[in-house]
C-alpha atoms as a PDB file:
ATOM      1  CA  MET A   1      51.312  29.084 -54.726  1.00  0.00           C
ATOM      2  CA  ALA A   2      47.541  29.339 -55.142  1.00  0.00           C
ATOM      3  CA  LYS A   3      45.975  32.587 -54.011  1.00  0.00           C
ATOM      4  CA  HIS A   4      43.639  32.516 -51.022  1.00  0.00           C
ATOM      5  CA  GLU A   5      40.017  32.900 -52.059  1.00  0.00           C
ATOM      6  CA  HIS A   6      38.566  36.264 -51.074  1.00  0.00           C
ATOM      7  CA  LEU A   7      35.395  35.149 -49.361  1.00  0.00           C
ATOM      8  CA  ALA A   8      34.530  38.658 -48.243  1.00  0.00           C
ATOM      9  CA  LYS A   9      33.442  39.444 -51.806  1.00  0.00           C
ATOM     10  CA  SER A  10      30.639  36.912 -51.615  1.00  0.00           C
ATOM     11  CA  MET A  11      29.760  36.555 -47.888  1.00  0.00           C
ATOM     12  CA  ALA A  12      28.505  38.966 -45.242  1.00  0.00           C
ATOM     13  CA  LEU A  13      30.401  37.038 -42.524  1.00  0.00           C
ATOM     14  CA  PRO A  14      33.247  34.534 -42.843  1.00  0.00           C
ATOM     15  CA  PRO A  15      32.699  30.792 -42.326  1.00  0.00           C
ATOM     16  CA  MET A  16      33.304  29.228 -38.923  1.00  0.00           C
ATOM     17  CA  THR A  17      37.011  28.915 -38.117  1.00  0.00           C
ATOM     18  CA  PRO A  18      38.178  25.275 -38.035  1.00  0.00           C
ATOM     19  CA  GLN A  19      39.030  24.060 -34.547  1.00  0.00           C
ATOM     20  CA  PRO A  20      41.212  23.690 -32.601  1.00  0.00           C
ATOM     21  CA  ASN A  21      42.420  27.226 -33.113  1.00  0.00           C
ATOM     22  CA  VAL A  22      44.566  29.256 -30.719  1.00  0.00           C
ATOM     23  CA  TYR A  23      42.467  32.423 -30.906  1.00  0.00           C
ATOM     24  CA  PRO A  24      39.718  32.212 -28.311  1.00  0.00           C
ATOM     25  CA  LEU A  25      38.870  35.950 -28.694  1.00  0.00           C
ATOM     26  CA  SER A  26      36.943  35.544 -25.465  1.00  0.00           C
ATOM     27  CA  TRP A  27      37.665  36.174 -21.812  1.00  0.00           C
ATOM     28  CA  HIS A  28      35.038  34.159 -19.994  1.00  0.00           C
ATOM     29  CA  ALA A  29      35.304  33.920 -16.223  1.00  0.00           C
ATOM     30  CA  HIS A  30      33.486  31.068 -14.470  1.00  0.00           C
ATOM     31  CA  THR A  31      35.857  29.796 -11.774  1.00  0.00           C
ATOM     32  CA  LYS A  32      36.708  32.455  -9.179  1.00  0.00           C
ATOM     33  CA  LYS A  33      39.159  30.180  -7.393  1.00  0.00           C
ATOM     34  CA  LEU A  34      41.399  30.198 -10.468  1.00  0.00           C
ATOM     35  CA  GLU A  35      41.373  33.999 -10.519  1.00  0.00           C
ATOM     36  CA  ASP A  36      42.517  33.962  -6.896  1.00  0.00           C
ATOM     37  CA  ILE A  37      45.322  31.521  -7.743  1.00  0.00           C
ATOM     38  CA  TRP A  38      46.476  33.765 -10.586  1.00  0.00           C
ATOM     39  CA  ASP A  39      46.559  36.746  -8.209  1.00  0.00           C
ATOM     40  CA  ALA A  40      48.670  34.713  -5.781  1.00  0.00           C
ATOM     41  CA  ALA A  41      51.045  33.742  -8.595  1.00  0.00           C
ATOM     42  CA  GLN A  42      51.529  37.411  -9.449  1.00  0.00           C
ATOM     43  CA  ARG A  43      52.253  38.336  -5.818  1.00  0.00           C
ATOM     44  CA  GLU A  44      54.587  35.407  -5.207  1.00  0.00           C
ATOM     45  CA  ASN A  45      56.693  35.497  -8.378  1.00  0.00           C
ATOM     46  CA  TRP A  46      60.417  35.397  -7.585  1.00  0.00           C
ATOM     47  CA  ASP A  47      63.812  35.619  -9.277  1.00  0.00           C
ATOM     48  CA  PRO A  48      66.312  32.745  -8.784  1.00  0.00           C
ATOM     49  CA  LYS A  49      69.242  35.144  -9.291  1.00  0.00           C
ATOM     50  CA  LYS A  50      68.103  37.257  -6.333  1.00  0.00           C
ATOM     51  CA  LEU A  51      68.293  34.448  -3.773  1.00  0.00           C
ATOM     52  CA  PRO A  52      71.083  34.835  -1.144  1.00  0.00           C
ATOM     53  CA  TRP A  53      73.851  33.377  -3.304  1.00  0.00           C
ATOM     54  CA  ASP A  54      76.354  35.608  -1.503  1.00  0.00           C
ATOM     55  CA  THR A  55      75.992  33.301   1.516  1.00  0.00           C
ATOM     56  CA  PHE A  56      76.951  30.237  -0.536  1.00  0.00           C
ATOM     57  CA  ASP A  57      80.584  29.103  -0.740  1.00  0.00           C
ATOM     58  CA  PRO A  58      81.031  25.789  -2.596  1.00  0.00           C
ATOM     59  CA  SER A  59      84.691  25.637  -1.530  1.00  0.00           C
ATOM     60  CA  THR A  60      83.598  24.706   1.990  1.00  0.00           C
ATOM     61  CA  TYR A  61      82.673  21.280   0.582  1.00  0.00           C
ATOM     62  CA  SER A  62      85.075  18.589  -0.622  1.00  0.00           C
ATOM     63  CA  TRP A  63      84.940  17.745  -4.340  1.00  0.00           C
ATOM     64  CA  GLU A  64      83.300  14.441  -3.498  1.00  0.00           C
ATOM     65  CA  GLU A  65      80.587  16.304  -1.570  1.00  0.00           C
ATOM     66  CA  ARG A  66      80.169  18.855  -4.347  1.00  0.00           C
ATOM     67  CA  GLU A  67      79.741  16.148  -6.962  1.00  0.00           C
ATOM     68  CA  ALA A  68      77.264  14.260  -4.764  1.00  0.00           C
ATOM     69  CA  ILE A  69      75.129  17.352  -4.103  1.00  0.00           C
ATOM     70  CA  ALA A  70      75.287  18.334  -7.781  1.00  0.00           C
ATOM     71  CA  TYR A  71      74.046  14.832  -8.623  1.00  0.00           C
ATOM     72  CA  TRP A  72      70.865  15.391  -6.618  1.00  0.00           C
ATOM     73  CA  TRP A  73      70.273  18.647  -8.495  1.00  0.00           C
ATOM     74  CA  THR A  74      70.934  16.758 -11.731  1.00  0.00           C
ATOM     75  CA  ILE A  75      68.245  14.209 -10.882  1.00  0.00           C
ATOM     76  CA  LEU A  76      65.856  17.081 -10.201  1.00  0.00           C
ATOM     77  CA  SER A  77      66.824  18.833 -13.419  1.00  0.00           C
ATOM     78  CA  VAL A  78      65.934  15.771 -15.518  1.00  0.00           C
ATOM     79  CA  PHE A  79      62.367  16.471 -14.413  1.00  0.00           C
ATOM     80  CA  ASP A  80      62.390  20.242 -13.864  1.00  0.00           C
ATOM     81  CA  ALA A  81      64.305  21.122 -17.030  1.00  0.00           C
ATOM     82  CA  SER A  82      61.575  19.369 -19.041  1.00  0.00           C
ATOM     83  CA  ALA A  83      58.791  21.106 -17.139  1.00  0.00           C
ATOM     84  CA  PRO A  84      58.796  24.495 -18.951  1.00  0.00           C
ATOM     85  CA  PRO A  85      58.209  22.983 -22.431  1.00  0.00           C
ATOM     86  CA  VAL A  86      55.840  20.375 -20.981  1.00  0.00           C
ATOM     87  CA  PHE A  87      53.645  23.033 -19.417  1.00  0.00           C
ATOM     88  CA  ALA A  88      54.103  25.299 -22.436  1.00  0.00           C
ATOM     89  CA  ALA A  89      52.512  22.557 -24.544  1.00  0.00           C
ATOM     90  CA  ALA A  90      49.638  22.322 -22.060  1.00  0.00           C
ATOM     91  CA  PHE A  91      49.386  26.133 -22.042  1.00  0.00           C
ATOM     92  CA  ILE A  92      48.959  26.114 -25.825  1.00  0.00           C
ATOM     93  CA  LYS A  93      46.303  23.424 -25.473  1.00  0.00           C
ATOM     94  CA  THR A  94      44.281  25.670 -23.120  1.00  0.00           C
ATOM     95  CA  TYR A  95      44.154  28.233 -25.948  1.00  0.00           C
ATOM     96  CA  GLU A  96      43.212  25.643 -28.551  1.00  0.00           C
ATOM     97  CA  ALA A  97      40.435  24.418 -26.245  1.00  0.00           C
ATOM     98  CA  HIS A  98      39.290  28.040 -25.714  1.00  0.00           C
ATOM     99  CA  GLU A  99      39.502  27.567 -21.962  1.00  0.00           C
ATOM    100  CA  GLU A 100      38.256  30.327 -19.713  1.00  0.00           C
ATOM    101  CA  ASP A 101      40.609  33.267 -19.292  1.00  0.00           C
ATOM    102  CA  ALA A 102      41.880  32.426 -15.796  1.00  0.00           C
ATOM    103  CA  VAL A 103      42.772  28.856 -16.837  1.00  0.00           C
ATOM    104  CA  ARG A 104      44.987  30.184 -19.623  1.00  0.00           C
ATOM    105  CA  ARG A 105      46.692  32.630 -17.284  1.00  0.00           C
ATOM    106  CA  CYS A 106      47.160  29.984 -14.589  1.00  0.00           C
ATOM    107  CA  PHE A 107      48.914  27.670 -17.039  1.00  0.00           C
ATOM    108  CA  PHE A 108      51.088  30.569 -18.122  1.00  0.00           C
ATOM    109  CA  SER A 109      52.047  31.101 -14.471  1.00  0.00           C
ATOM    110  CA  VAL A 110      52.969  27.425 -14.097  1.00  0.00           C
ATOM    111  CA  THR A 111      55.197  27.606 -17.180  1.00  0.00           C
ATOM    112  CA  ARG A 112      56.906  30.680 -15.705  1.00  0.00           C
ATOM    113  CA  ASP A 113      57.325  29.006 -12.310  1.00  0.00           C
ATOM    114  CA  GLU A 114      58.856  25.909 -13.849  1.00  0.00           C
ATOM    115  CA  GLN A 115      61.361  28.072 -15.703  1.00  0.00           C
ATOM    116  CA  ASN A 116      62.458  29.379 -12.284  1.00  0.00           C
ATOM    117  CA  HIS A 117      62.802  25.826 -10.985  1.00  0.00           C
ATOM    118  CA  GLU A 118      64.952  24.898 -13.972  1.00  0.00           C
ATOM    119  CA  GLN A 119      67.160  27.935 -13.371  1.00  0.00           C
ATOM    120  CA  ILE A 120      67.727  26.937  -9.749  1.00  0.00           C
ATOM    121  CA  CYS A 121      68.948  23.519 -10.897  1.00  0.00           C
ATOM    122  CA  GLY A 122      71.326  25.140 -13.371  1.00  0.00           C
ATOM    123  CA  LEU A 123      72.689  27.648 -10.865  1.00  0.00           C
ATOM    124  CA  ALA A 124      73.256  25.001  -8.181  1.00  0.00           C
ATOM    125  CA  ILE A 125      74.982  22.578 -10.565  1.00  0.00           C
ATOM    126  CA  THR A 126      77.138  25.249 -12.192  1.00  0.00           C
ATOM    127  CA  LYS A 127      78.319  26.653  -8.856  1.00  0.00           C
ATOM    128  CA  MET A 128      78.984  23.216  -7.356  1.00  0.00           C
ATOM    129  CA  LEU A 129      80.845  21.790 -10.358  1.00  0.00           C
ATOM    130  CA  GLU A 130      82.285  25.045 -11.736  1.00  0.00           C
ATOM    131  CA  HIS A 131      80.883  23.755 -15.020  1.00  0.00           C
ATOM    132  CA  PRO A 132      77.436  24.365 -16.620  1.00  0.00           C
ATOM    133  CA  ASP A 133      76.728  20.805 -17.738  1.00  0.00           C
ATOM    134  CA  PRO A 134      76.875  17.622 -15.625  1.00  0.00           C
ATOM    135  CA  LEU A 135      77.136  15.433 -18.722  1.00  0.00           C
ATOM    136  CA  THR A 136      80.354  16.992 -20.109  1.00  0.00           C
ATOM    137  CA  TYR A 137      81.885  17.834 -16.719  1.00  0.00           C
ATOM    138  CA  VAL A 138      85.146  15.966 -15.985  1.00  0.00           C
ATOM    139  CA  PRO A 139      84.656  14.154 -12.622  1.00  0.00           C
ATOM    140  CA  LYS A 140      87.322  14.665  -9.964  1.00  0.00           C
ATOM    141  CA  THR A 141      86.441  11.711  -7.718  1.00  0.00           C
ATOM    142  CA  GLU A 142      85.072   8.188  -7.954  1.00  0.00           C
ATOM    143  CA  ILE A 143      81.756   9.451  -6.584  1.00  0.00           C
ATOM    144  CA  GLY A 144      81.709  12.009  -9.396  1.00  0.00           C
ATOM    145  CA  ARG A 145      82.372   9.310 -11.976  1.00  0.00           C
ATOM    146  CA  LYS A 146      79.490   7.201 -10.661  1.00  0.00           C
ATOM    147  CA  ALA A 147      77.223  10.245 -10.532  1.00  0.00           C
ATOM    148  CA  GLN A 148      77.982  11.151 -14.134  1.00  0.00           C
ATOM    149  CA  ARG A 149      77.348   7.628 -15.401  1.00  0.00           C
ATOM    150  CA  ASN A 150      73.976   7.628 -13.646  1.00  0.00           C
ATOM    151  CA  ALA A 151      73.221  11.124 -14.959  1.00  0.00           C
ATOM    152  CA  HIS A 152      73.727   9.957 -18.542  1.00  0.00           C
ATOM    153  CA  TRP A 153      71.136   7.197 -18.032  1.00  0.00           C
ATOM    154  CA  LEU A 154      68.699   9.601 -16.357  1.00  0.00           C
ATOM    155  CA  TYR A 155      69.062  11.960 -19.297  1.00  0.00           C
ATOM    156  CA  TYR A 156      68.476   9.159 -21.794  1.00  0.00           C
ATOM    157  CA  ASN A 157      65.247   8.146 -20.065  1.00  0.00           C
ATOM    158  CA  GLY A 158      64.126  11.761 -19.879  1.00  0.00           C
ATOM    159  CA  GLY A 159      64.435  12.026 -23.661  1.00  0.00           C
ATOM    160  CA  ARG A 160      62.186   8.985 -24.054  1.00  0.00           C
ATOM    161  CA  TYR A 161      59.594  10.692 -21.847  1.00  0.00           C
ATOM    162  CA  TRP A 162      59.514  13.842 -23.980  1.00  0.00           C
ATOM    163  CA  ASN A 163      58.828  11.911 -27.165  1.00  0.00           C
ATOM    164  CA  GLY A 164      55.915  10.151 -25.472  1.00  0.00           C
ATOM    165  CA  TYR A 165      54.556  13.394 -24.052  1.00  0.00           C
ATOM    166  CA  LYS A 166      54.555  15.159 -27.428  1.00  0.00           C
ATOM    167  CA  ASN A 167      52.463  12.342 -28.854  1.00  0.00           C
ATOM    168  CA  ALA A 168      50.126  12.180 -25.868  1.00  0.00           C
ATOM    169  CA  VAL A 169      49.086  15.814 -25.421  1.00  0.00           C
ATOM    170  CA  PRO A 170      47.080  16.111 -28.656  1.00  0.00           C
ATOM    171  CA  LYS A 171      45.284  12.810 -27.926  1.00  0.00           C
ATOM    172  CA  TYR A 172      44.140  13.450 -24.362  1.00  0.00           C
ATOM    173  CA  SER A 173      41.553  15.827 -22.994  1.00  0.00           C
ATOM    174  CA  LEU A 174      42.557  18.541 -20.543  1.00  0.00           C
ATOM    175  CA  ALA A 175      40.652  16.646 -17.856  1.00  0.00           C
ATOM    176  CA  VAL A 176      42.999  13.675 -18.254  1.00  0.00           C
ATOM    177  CA  LEU A 177      46.037  15.943 -18.295  1.00  0.00           C
ATOM    178  CA  PHE A 178      44.949  17.644 -15.063  1.00  0.00           C
ATOM    179  CA  SER A 179      44.933  14.374 -13.124  1.00  0.00           C
ATOM    180  CA  SER A 180      48.406  13.496 -14.393  1.00  0.00           C
ATOM    181  CA  PHE A 181      49.760  16.919 -13.514  1.00  0.00           C
ATOM    182  CA  LEU A 182      48.158  16.815 -10.070  1.00  0.00           C
ATOM    183  CA  MET A 183      50.051  13.650  -9.245  1.00  0.00           C
ATOM    184  CA  GLY A 184      53.403  15.327  -9.700  1.00  0.00           C
ATOM    185  CA  GLU A 185      52.363  18.484  -7.877  1.00  0.00           C
ATOM    186  CA  ILE A 186      51.122  16.641  -4.766  1.00  0.00           C
ATOM    187  CA  ALA A 187      54.398  14.762  -4.467  1.00  0.00           C
ATOM    188  CA  ALA A 188      56.559  17.785  -5.308  1.00  0.00           C
ATOM    189  CA  ALA A 189      54.909  20.027  -2.723  1.00  0.00           C
ATOM    190  CA  THR A 190      55.621  17.394  -0.060  1.00  0.00           C
ATOM    191  CA  ILE A 191      59.307  16.884  -0.802  1.00  0.00           C
ATOM    192  CA  PHE A 192      60.183  20.564  -1.250  1.00  0.00           C
ATOM    193  CA  HIS A 193      58.525  21.596   2.000  1.00  0.00           C
ATOM    194  CA  GLN A 194      60.514  18.860   3.746  1.00  0.00           C
ATOM    195  CA  MET A 195      63.774  19.918   2.141  1.00  0.00           C
ATOM    196  CA  ALA A 196      63.166  23.561   3.041  1.00  0.00           C
ATOM    197  CA  ALA A 197      62.692  22.533   6.669  1.00  0.00           C
ATOM    198  CA  GLN A 198      65.802  20.305   6.793  1.00  0.00           C
ATOM    199  CA  CYS A 199      68.246  22.214   4.580  1.00  0.00           C
ATOM    200  CA  THR A 200      71.152  24.083   6.200  1.00  0.00           C
ATOM    201  CA  GLU A 201      72.376  26.201   3.247  1.00  0.00           C
ATOM    202  CA  PRO A 202      70.395  29.497   3.321  1.00  0.00           C
ATOM    203  CA  VAL A 203      70.206  29.803  -0.470  1.00  0.00           C
ATOM    204  CA  PHE A 204      68.932  26.251  -0.898  1.00  0.00           C
ATOM    205  CA  LYS A 205      66.491  26.639   1.987  1.00  0.00           C
ATOM    206  CA  GLU A 206      65.028  29.752   0.352  1.00  0.00           C
ATOM    207  CA  ALA A 207      64.886  28.053  -3.057  1.00  0.00           C
ATOM    208  CA  PHE A 208      63.056  25.018  -1.668  1.00  0.00           C
ATOM    209  CA  ARG A 209      60.613  27.253   0.213  1.00  0.00           C
ATOM    210  CA  ASN A 210      59.751  29.134  -2.977  1.00  0.00           C
ATOM    211  CA  ILE A 211      59.513  25.990  -5.096  1.00  0.00           C
ATOM    212  CA  GLY A 212      57.289  24.274  -2.513  1.00  0.00           C
ATOM    213  CA  ARG A 213      54.949  27.290  -2.493  1.00  0.00           C
ATOM    214  CA  ASP A 214      54.813  27.237  -6.303  1.00  0.00           C
ATOM    215  CA  GLU A 215      53.992  23.523  -6.362  1.00  0.00           C
ATOM    216  CA  GLY A 216      51.202  24.079  -3.842  1.00  0.00           C
ATOM    217  CA  ARG A 217      49.663  26.632  -6.215  1.00  0.00           C
ATOM    218  CA  HIS A 218      50.004  24.268  -9.150  1.00  0.00           C
ATOM    219  CA  MET A 219      48.234  21.610  -7.113  1.00  0.00           C
ATOM    220  CA  ALA A 220      45.400  24.049  -6.385  1.00  0.00           C
ATOM    221  CA  ILE A 221      45.014  24.773 -10.118  1.00  0.00           C
ATOM    222  CA  CYS A 222      44.629  21.082 -10.924  1.00  0.00           C
ATOM    223  CA  LEU A 223      42.216  20.498  -8.049  1.00  0.00           C
ATOM    224  CA  SER A 224      40.052  23.446  -9.117  1.00  0.00           C
ATOM    225  CA  LEU A 225      39.843  22.192 -12.675  1.00  0.00           C
ATOM    226  CA  MET A 226      39.060  18.669 -11.531  1.00  0.00           C
ATOM    227  CA  GLU A 227      36.245  19.990  -9.320  1.00  0.00           C
ATOM    228  CA  ARG A 228      34.883  21.820 -12.325  1.00  0.00           C
ATOM    229  CA  ASP A 229      35.204  19.045 -14.926  1.00  0.00           C
ATOM    230  CA  TYR A 230      35.194  15.638 -13.252  1.00  0.00           C
ATOM    231  CA  PRO A 231      31.518  15.476 -12.263  1.00  0.00           C
ATOM    232  CA  LYS A 232      30.671  15.512 -16.004  1.00  0.00           C
ATOM    233  CA  MET A 233      33.606  13.355 -17.180  1.00  0.00           C
ATOM    234  CA  ASP A 234      33.161  10.761 -19.917  1.00  0.00           C
ATOM    235  CA  LEU A 235      33.303   7.277 -18.379  1.00  0.00           C
ATOM    236  CA  SER A 236      35.895   6.120 -20.912  1.00  0.00           C
ATOM    237  CA  ASP A 237      38.369   8.691 -19.559  1.00  0.00           C
ATOM    238  CA  LYS A 238      38.297   7.147 -16.097  1.00  0.00           C
ATOM    239  CA  ALA A 239      40.149   3.988 -17.156  1.00  0.00           C
ATOM    240  CA  LEU A 240      42.745   6.127 -18.919  1.00  0.00           C
ATOM    241  CA  ILE A 241      43.329   8.152 -15.758  1.00  0.00           C
ATOM    242  CA  THR A 242      43.829   4.955 -13.743  1.00  0.00           C
ATOM    243  CA  LYS A 243      46.549   3.884 -16.171  1.00  0.00           C
ATOM    244  CA  GLN A 244      48.103   7.337 -16.156  1.00  0.00           C
ATOM    245  CA  VAL A 245      48.385   7.318 -12.366  1.00  0.00           C
ATOM    246  CA  ARG A 246      50.280   4.023 -12.483  1.00  0.00           C
ATOM    247  CA  ALA A 247      52.540   5.338 -15.256  1.00  0.00           C
ATOM    248  CA  GLY A 248      53.094   8.544 -13.325  1.00  0.00           C
ATOM    249  CA  PHE A 249      54.120   6.674 -10.201  1.00  0.00           C
ATOM    250  CA  LEU A 250      56.710   4.688 -12.143  1.00  0.00           C
ATOM    251  CA  PHE A 251      58.079   7.740 -13.938  1.00  0.00           C
ATOM    252  CA  LEU A 252      58.189  10.134 -10.989  1.00  0.00           C
ATOM    253  CA  SER A 253      59.790   7.494  -8.779  1.00  0.00           C
ATOM    254  CA  GLY A 254      62.963   8.495 -10.614  1.00  0.00           C
ATOM    255  CA  VAL A 255      63.126  11.669  -8.509  1.00  0.00           C
ATOM    256  CA  LEU A 256      60.844  10.927  -5.558  1.00  0.00           C
ATOM    257  CA  PHE A 257      61.757   7.320  -4.782  1.00  0.00           C
ATOM    258  CA  GLU A 258      64.025   5.024  -6.803  1.00  0.00           C
ATOM    259  CA  PRO A 259      63.605   4.308 -10.537  1.00  0.00           C
ATOM    260  CA  PRO A 260      62.020   0.863 -11.105  1.00  0.00           C
ATOM    261  CA  GLU A 261      64.269  -1.188 -13.392  1.00  0.00           C
ATOM    262  CA  ASP A 262      61.362  -2.783 -15.288  1.00  0.00           C
ATOM    263  CA  PHE A 263      60.193   0.686 -16.409  1.00  0.00           C
ATOM    264  CA  TRP A 264      63.366   2.786 -16.426  1.00  0.00           C
ATOM    265  CA  ASP A 265      66.178   1.625 -18.697  1.00  0.00           C
ATOM    266  CA  ILE A 266      69.054   1.759 -16.192  1.00  0.00           C
ATOM    267  CA  PRO A 267      72.115  -0.356 -15.300  1.00  0.00           C
ATOM    268  CA  ALA A 268      71.774  -3.016 -12.604  1.00  0.00           C
ATOM    269  CA  ASP A 269      73.987  -1.056 -10.179  1.00  0.00           C
ATOM    270  CA  PHE A 270      72.235   2.304 -10.760  1.00  0.00           C
ATOM    271  CA  VAL A 271      70.247   2.288  -7.511  1.00  0.00           C
ATOM    272  CA  ALA A 272      73.198   1.071  -5.408  1.00  0.00           C
ATOM    273  CA  TRP A 273      75.393   3.840  -6.800  1.00  0.00           C
ATOM    274  CA  GLN A 274      72.648   6.429  -6.238  1.00  0.00           C
ATOM    275  CA  ARG A 275      72.313   5.392  -2.598  1.00  0.00           C
ATOM    276  CA  GLU A 276      76.057   5.707  -2.154  1.00  0.00           C
ATOM    277  CA  ILE A 277      76.063   9.186  -3.716  1.00  0.00           C
ATOM    278  CA  GLU A 278      73.090  10.319  -1.625  1.00  0.00           C
ATOM    279  CA  THR A 279      74.848   9.179   1.564  1.00  0.00           C
ATOM    280  CA  VAL A 280      77.805  11.447   0.742  1.00  0.00           C
ATOM    281  CA  ALA A 281      75.440  14.391   0.132  1.00  0.00           C
ATOM    282  CA  ARG A 282      73.553  13.661   3.346  1.00  0.00           C
ATOM    283  CA  ASN A 283      76.757  13.493   5.381  1.00  0.00           C
ATOM    284  CA  ALA A 284      77.735  16.870   3.932  1.00  0.00           C
ATOM    285  CA  GLY A 285      74.591  18.385   5.452  1.00  0.00           C
ATOM    286  CA  PHE A 286      72.476  18.356   2.274  1.00  0.00           C
ATOM    287  CA  TYR A 287      69.170  16.772   3.264  1.00  0.00           C
ATOM    288  CA  VAL A 288      68.051  13.920   1.024  1.00  0.00           C
ATOM    289  CA  PRO A 289      65.307  11.665   2.458  1.00  0.00           C
ATOM    290  CA  GLU A 290      66.468   8.110   3.138  1.00  0.00           C
ATOM    291  CA  TYR A 291      64.749   5.108   1.547  1.00  0.00           C
ATOM    292  CA  GLU A 292      62.008   4.609   4.156  1.00  0.00           C
ATOM    293  CA  ALA A 293      61.240   8.321   4.286  1.00  0.00           C
ATOM    294  CA  LYS A 294      60.976   8.450   0.474  1.00  0.00           C
ATOM    295  CA  LYS A 295      58.663   5.443   0.547  1.00  0.00           C
ATOM    296  CA  GLU A 296      56.446   7.022   3.200  1.00  0.00           C
ATOM    297  CA  ASN A 297      56.342  10.344   1.315  1.00  0.00           C
ATOM    298  CA  TRP A 298      55.299   8.596  -1.892  1.00  0.00           C
ATOM    299  CA  LYS A 299      52.701   6.498  -0.115  1.00  0.00           C
ATOM    300  CA  ASN A 300      51.133   9.577   1.491  1.00  0.00           C
ATOM    301  CA  ALA A 301      51.117  11.434  -1.816  1.00  0.00           C
ATOM    302  CA  MET A 302      49.409   8.494  -3.539  1.00  0.00           C
ATOM    303  CA  LEU A 303      46.810   8.204  -0.774  1.00  0.00           C
ATOM    304  CA  ASN A 304      46.089  11.938  -1.093  1.00  0.00           C
ATOM    305  CA  LEU A 305      45.587  11.507  -4.830  1.00  0.00           C
ATOM    306  CA  LYS A 306      43.423   8.451  -4.231  1.00  0.00           C
ATOM    307  CA  GLY A 307      41.229  10.528  -1.937  1.00  0.00           C
ATOM    308  CA  VAL A 308      40.672  13.009  -4.780  1.00  0.00           C
ATOM    309  CA  LEU A 309      39.955  10.385  -7.438  1.00  0.00           C
ATOM    310  CA  ASP A 310      37.668   8.352  -5.152  1.00  0.00           C
ATOM    311  CA  LYS A 311      35.277  11.313  -5.035  1.00  0.00           C
ATOM    312  CA  TYR A 312      34.723  10.943  -8.770  1.00  0.00           C
ATOM    313  CA  GLY A 313      34.510   7.160  -8.941  1.00  0.00           C
ATOM    314  CA  ILE A 314      37.863   6.795 -10.714  1.00  0.00           C
ATOM    315  CA  PRO A 315      39.494   3.423  -9.882  1.00  0.00           C
ATOM    316  CA  PHE A 316      42.924   3.734  -8.294  1.00  0.00           C
ATOM    317  CA  PRO A 317      45.739   1.501  -9.539  1.00  0.00           C
ATOM    318  CA  ALA A 318      47.629  -0.901  -7.318  1.00  0.00           C
ATOM    319  CA  ILE A 319      50.928   0.617  -6.165  1.00  0.00           C
ATOM    320  CA  PRO A 320      52.582  -2.429  -4.573  1.00  0.00           C
ATOM    321  CA  GLU A 321      55.914  -0.596  -4.204  1.00  0.00           C
ATOM    322  CA  VAL A 322      54.419   1.445  -1.339  1.00  0.00           C
ATOM    323  CA  GLY A 323      51.799  -1.057  -0.165  1.00  0.00           C
ATOM    324  CA  ILE A 324      48.680   0.347  -1.872  1.00  0.00           C
ATOM    325  CA  THR A 325      46.181  -2.138  -3.302  1.00  0.00           C
ATOM    326  CA  GLY A 326      43.942  -1.371  -6.258  1.00  0.00           C
ATOM    327  CA  GLU A 327      43.333  -2.156  -9.914  1.00  0.00           C
ATOM    328  CA  GLU A 328      46.207  -4.070 -11.536  1.00  0.00           C
ATOM    329  CA  ILE A 329      47.851  -2.178 -14.397  1.00  0.00           C
ATOM    330  CA  ARG A 330      50.551  -4.108 -16.239  1.00  0.00           C
ATOM    331  CA  ASP A 331      51.021  -2.694 -19.747  1.00  0.00           C
ATOM    332  CA  VAL A 332      52.722   0.639 -19.034  1.00  0.00           C
ATOM    333  CA  ASP A 333      55.592   1.944 -21.131  1.00  0.00           C
ATOM    334  CA  MET A 334      57.556   5.213 -21.181  1.00  0.00           C
ATOM    335  CA  VAL A 335      55.718   6.253 -24.367  1.00  0.00           C
ATOM    336  CA  ASP A 336      52.401   6.268 -22.462  1.00  0.00           C
ATOM    337  CA  ILE A 337      53.205   8.810 -19.795  1.00  0.00           C
ATOM    338  CA  ILE A 338      52.104  12.414 -19.440  1.00  0.00           C
ATOM    339  CA  PRO A 339      52.792  13.371 -15.798  1.00  0.00           C
ATOM    340  CA  VAL A 340      55.080  16.297 -14.976  1.00  0.00           C
ATOM    341  CA  PHE A 341      56.942  17.325 -11.837  1.00  0.00           C
END
């Protein structure tokens, strides 16, 4: 191997370091709101293991109910179990871009939060199924069999998302990433606050309350960065954001609505089976919004996002699934998406 040239023998100072490089060696502070969000993240950090699990007795549910409730957590985990590495990649990008100090710390806090959300999914599934993996679990009922088949297809689609995300992050600016992240956070904050209000199990109620608070903070991070960066955004990025919003709607519908068959690769009876499983969970006292409530939640989340993007002259895509008109976007594939939940 060739030896590295000793430049110090011939230069008073080294040459400029090629960029991107993960050593900012600077701690600039320009956005006080982000410092406040970081302080809140430090105060509000929590431990999934310390929730009131002693109040939770899975044996009070039938196996059909346990498998149905575990299925909902499995759907969530397809999104939340990918979130720590997704945000870790964005966290690294904030260092490469030499973002201000509070931005780097805020993205670290999001990565930490999402690890908590993943752990909640794992704890709930493991306790419900008495098995740590919904894909290798042996179903005990017909509902469990249907849930596992659906879970395999959810997992397959999630793997397709990760490959697309890895390719997308280096290509897109942080400003584009922020808008995609915001989409998931707006919707997530809504559903978790609702589930905290409706849930009857104390441990799940507490988990949803904490997760909803985390998602609200994540939303505030994205909004702060958009306020900072969007007024000076390159015009070419605006069309990309419009496409990303449409892609994000289609992807996140897998957890917040129902997965569209022309985007998600799923069997024809996937949605019918999911509705059947959700009915069992609902009847067991585990709150899952029904179809119309999901549709209304998604519509409100999209209108909230539209209100943000309208301020910066970014065209909003048509979302016909929830009755929102806008710019038609047709050529969206799983490899294009970068949103996270």
